[in-house]
Amino acid sequence: MIKEYYFPTIIYIKDLPNPEKLNSYLEKHIVEWSNQDKGVEKTNVNGWHSKTDMHHKKEYEPLTKELFQMQNEIIQEEHLDIEPKLGNMWANINPPGGHNQMHLHPNSLFSGAYYIKAPPNSGKLALMDPRPGVQQSMPPRKPGKIPRELWRDAYYDPVPGRIIMFPAWMWHKVEPNKSNDTRISVSFNFIMR
């Protein structure tokens, strides 16, 4: 039997080497920011969401540099003829119980998250199968491990120092923080220049 895979949805993951110094620096600045600004309400529930102009603030340049480097790698990988532009970027602080409702990012190409502080059980990133037709029929599966290409959802544990990027049209959410500590991340959107 021949198997051919078409129309894959690619999730890109990159772990920064030795992110402790960067994360300590970012956490300090983000916590200070959250103490001075009430933030905005978007998809966040019981958590703090900064304004979305983070990429214009000089103190966050070390992170934006890493994001651009990864986005350029993705552009090469996907044979795109574009220059990346960071459309917006914001910080998220989810205390215990905090989460983000399901959403997508219109008018963007790639969206993603960078994890600064992520205790165990602090809320997985859930990405949903983007094919609308697949939800119409959900036949029962045999017990046991299902091959990845048959999954309907993908869940990623937040890992400090990790960047995850995915197509902006993917529905996604952040599960509730079930730890006893805060979870700090940065989200962003790349758009066409």
Protein backbone atom coordinates (compact mmCIF):
# COMPACT_ATOMS: atom_id res chain seq x y z
CA MET A 1 0.00 0.00 0.00
CA ILE A 2 1.24 3.50 -0.86
CA LYS A 3 0.75 6.29 1.68
CA GLU A 4 1.06 9.92 0.63
CA TYR A 5 0.72 12.91 2.95
CA TYR A 6 -0.65 16.18 1.61
CA PHE A 7 -1.68 19.46 3.23
CA PRO A 8 0.29 19.06 6.44
CA THR A 9 0.03 21.61 9.21
CA ILE A 10 3.55 22.26 10.42
CA ILE A 11 4.25 23.31 14.00
CA TYR A 12 7.73 24.76 14.49
CA ILE A 13 9.52 24.39 17.83
CA LYS A 14 12.87 25.82 18.90
CA ASP A 15 14.55 25.62 22.28
CA LEU A 16 16.93 28.50 22.95
CA PRO A 17 20.25 27.41 24.41
CA ASN A 18 20.78 28.45 28.04
CA PRO A 19 17.69 30.70 28.30
CA GLU A 20 17.92 31.25 32.08
CA LYS A 21 19.58 34.69 31.91
CA LEU A 22 17.20 35.92 29.19
CA ASN A 23 14.15 34.57 31.02
CA SER A 24 15.18 36.12 34.33
CA TYR A 25 15.63 39.47 32.57
CA LEU A 26 12.26 39.18 30.75
CA GLU A 27 10.38 38.07 33.86
CA LYS A 28 11.65 41.08 35.82
CA HIS A 29 10.57 43.54 33.12
CA ILE A 30 7.19 41.89 32.50
CA VAL A 31 6.28 41.74 36.19
CA GLU A 32 7.24 45.43 36.57
CA TRP A 33 5.10 46.25 33.53
CA SER A 34 2.12 44.34 34.94
CA ASN A 35 2.42 46.27 38.23
CA GLN A 36 2.24 49.60 36.36
CA ASP A 37 -0.38 48.79 33.70
CA LYS A 38 -3.71 46.99 34.13
CA GLY A 39 -3.31 45.46 30.64
CA VAL A 40 -6.16 44.51 28.31
CA GLU A 41 -8.85 41.85 28.14
CA LYS A 42 -8.66 39.59 25.10
CA THR A 43 -8.81 35.79 25.40
CA ASN A 44 -7.30 35.84 28.88
CA VAL A 45 -9.38 34.59 31.80
CA ASN A 46 -8.12 35.38 35.33
CA GLY A 47 -4.79 36.47 33.91
CA TRP A 48 -2.90 39.58 32.79
CA HIS A 49 -2.51 40.39 29.08
CA SER A 50 -0.25 43.33 28.24
CA LYS A 51 -0.89 45.84 25.52
CA THR A 52 0.23 44.51 22.15
CA ASP A 53 3.08 46.96 21.47
CA MET A 54 5.74 44.95 23.28
CA HIS A 55 7.83 44.59 20.10
CA HIS A 56 8.34 48.39 20.05
CA LYS A 57 9.86 48.46 23.55
CA LYS A 58 13.66 48.48 23.60
CA GLU A 59 13.94 46.23 26.67
CA TYR A 60 12.42 43.31 24.72
CA GLU A 61 14.83 43.46 21.75
CA PRO A 62 16.77 40.37 22.89
CA LEU A 63 13.58 38.31 22.46
CA THR A 64 12.43 39.94 19.21
CA LYS A 65 15.85 39.16 17.73
CA GLU A 66 15.34 35.44 18.49
CA LEU A 67 11.82 35.50 17.07
CA PHE A 68 12.99 37.09 13.81
CA GLN A 69 15.77 34.53 13.49
CA MET A 70 13.30 31.67 13.82
CA GLN A 71 10.77 33.30 11.48
CA ASN A 72 13.49 33.68 8.84
CA GLU A 73 14.28 29.97 9.18
CA ILE A 74 10.58 29.17 8.65
CA ILE A 75 10.44 31.43 5.58
CA GLN A 76 13.32 29.46 4.07
CA GLU A 77 11.76 26.13 5.05
CA GLU A 78 8.42 27.02 3.43
CA HIS A 79 9.94 28.57 0.27
CA LEU A 80 8.25 31.90 0.94
CA ASP A 81 9.24 35.08 -0.88
CA ILE A 82 8.53 37.55 1.91
CA GLU A 83 10.29 39.64 4.52
CA PRO A 84 9.05 39.02 8.05
CA LYS A 85 7.41 41.80 9.99
CA LEU A 86 6.38 41.52 13.61
CA GLY A 87 2.83 42.85 13.67
CA ASN A 88 2.30 42.71 17.42
CA MET A 89 3.62 41.09 20.57
CA TRP A 90 2.37 40.89 24.14
CA ALA A 91 3.08 39.33 27.53
CA ASN A 92 0.78 36.95 29.40
CA ILE A 93 0.80 36.23 33.12
CA ASN A 94 -1.49 33.37 34.11
CA PRO A 95 -1.74 32.85 37.87
CA PRO A 96 -3.23 29.59 39.21
CA GLY A 97 -6.56 29.09 37.42
CA GLY A 98 -5.68 31.52 34.62
CA HIS A 99 -6.12 30.41 31.01
CA ASN A 100 -6.82 31.64 27.48
CA GLN A 101 -9.99 30.83 25.56
CA MET A 102 -9.95 29.28 22.11
CA HIS A 103 -9.11 31.77 19.36
CA LEU A 104 -7.12 32.40 16.20
CA HIS A 105 -5.15 35.39 14.92
CA PRO A 106 -6.70 37.00 11.82
CA ASN A 107 -4.65 39.02 9.32
CA SER A 108 -1.42 37.30 10.39
CA LEU A 109 0.83 34.66 8.84
CA PHE A 110 2.47 32.97 11.81
CA SER A 111 1.60 33.17 15.49
CA GLY A 112 3.38 31.76 18.44
CA ALA A 113 4.47 31.74 22.04
CA TYR A 114 7.71 32.02 23.96
CA TYR A 115 7.82 30.56 27.47
CA ILE A 116 9.58 32.47 30.23
CA LYS A 117 8.27 30.84 33.39
CA ALA A 118 6.32 27.58 33.22
CA PRO A 119 6.00 25.39 36.30
CA PRO A 120 4.70 21.84 35.75
CA ASN A 121 0.92 21.71 35.16
CA SER A 122 0.75 25.43 34.39
CA GLY A 123 -1.36 25.04 31.25
CA LYS A 124 -0.70 23.31 27.94
CA LEU A 125 -1.00 25.00 24.57
CA ALA A 126 -3.76 23.18 22.67
CA LEU A 127 -3.81 23.32 18.86
CA MET A 128 -6.95 22.09 17.09
CA ASP A 129 -7.22 20.18 13.80
CA PRO A 130 -7.80 22.93 11.21
CA ARG A 131 -9.75 20.80 8.72
CA PRO A 132 -13.46 21.67 9.07
CA GLY A 133 -14.71 18.43 7.52
CA VAL A 134 -12.88 16.19 9.97
CA GLN A 135 -15.20 17.25 12.81
CA GLN A 136 -18.28 15.94 10.95
CA SER A 137 -17.38 12.30 11.47
CA MET A 138 -15.58 11.00 14.53
CA PRO A 139 -15.52 7.20 14.33
CA PRO A 140 -14.46 5.34 17.48
CA ARG A 141 -10.78 4.44 17.71
CA LYS A 142 -9.22 1.21 18.89
CA PRO A 143 -7.61 1.35 22.33
CA GLY A 144 -3.93 2.15 22.39
CA LYS A 145 -1.60 4.78 21.03
CA ILE A 146 -2.97 6.62 17.98
CA PRO A 147 -0.45 7.67 15.31
CA ARG A 148 0.27 11.40 15.36
CA GLU A 149 -1.14 11.95 11.86
CA LEU A 150 -4.58 10.84 13.14
CA TRP A 151 -4.72 13.21 16.12
CA ARG A 152 -7.54 15.78 16.26
CA ASP A 153 -5.74 18.02 18.78
CA ALA A 154 -2.12 18.53 19.73
CA TYR A 155 -1.04 19.57 23.22
CA TYR A 156 2.28 21.16 24.13
CA ASP A 157 3.63 21.55 27.64
CA PRO A 158 5.17 24.99 28.12
CA VAL A 159 8.93 24.74 28.49
CA PRO A 160 10.99 27.78 29.59
CA GLY A 161 13.16 28.92 26.70
CA ARG A 162 10.97 27.32 24.02
CA ILE A 163 9.46 29.12 21.03
CA ILE A 164 6.49 27.53 19.27
CA MET A 165 5.28 28.97 15.95
CA PHE A 166 2.27 27.85 13.92
CA PRO A 167 0.02 29.16 11.13
CA ALA A 168 -2.03 32.05 12.49
CA TRP A 169 -5.28 30.53 11.20
CA MET A 170 -5.05 27.60 13.63
CA TRP A 171 -7.58 27.57 16.46
CA HIS A 172 -5.75 27.29 19.78
CA LYS A 173 -6.14 27.86 23.50
CA VAL A 174 -4.17 27.68 26.72
CA GLU A 175 -5.45 25.26 29.34
CA PRO A 176 -5.91 26.41 32.97
CA ASN A 177 -2.86 26.80 35.15
CA LYS A 178 -3.20 23.99 37.70
CA SER A 179 0.08 24.74 39.44
CA ASN A 180 0.56 26.89 42.55
CA ASP A 181 2.70 29.43 40.72
CA THR A 182 2.39 31.90 37.83
CA ARG A 183 3.03 31.06 34.20
CA ILE A 184 4.65 33.81 32.12
CA SER A 185 4.80 33.77 28.33
CA VAL A 186 4.99 36.08 25.36
CA SER A 187 2.73 35.77 22.31
CA PHE A 188 3.22 37.36 18.91
CA ASN A 189 2.08 37.58 15.30
CA PHE A 190 4.20 37.86 12.17
CA ILE A 191 2.51 39.55 9.23
CA MET A 192 3.44 40.28 5.60
CA ARG A 193 5.46 43.44 5.09
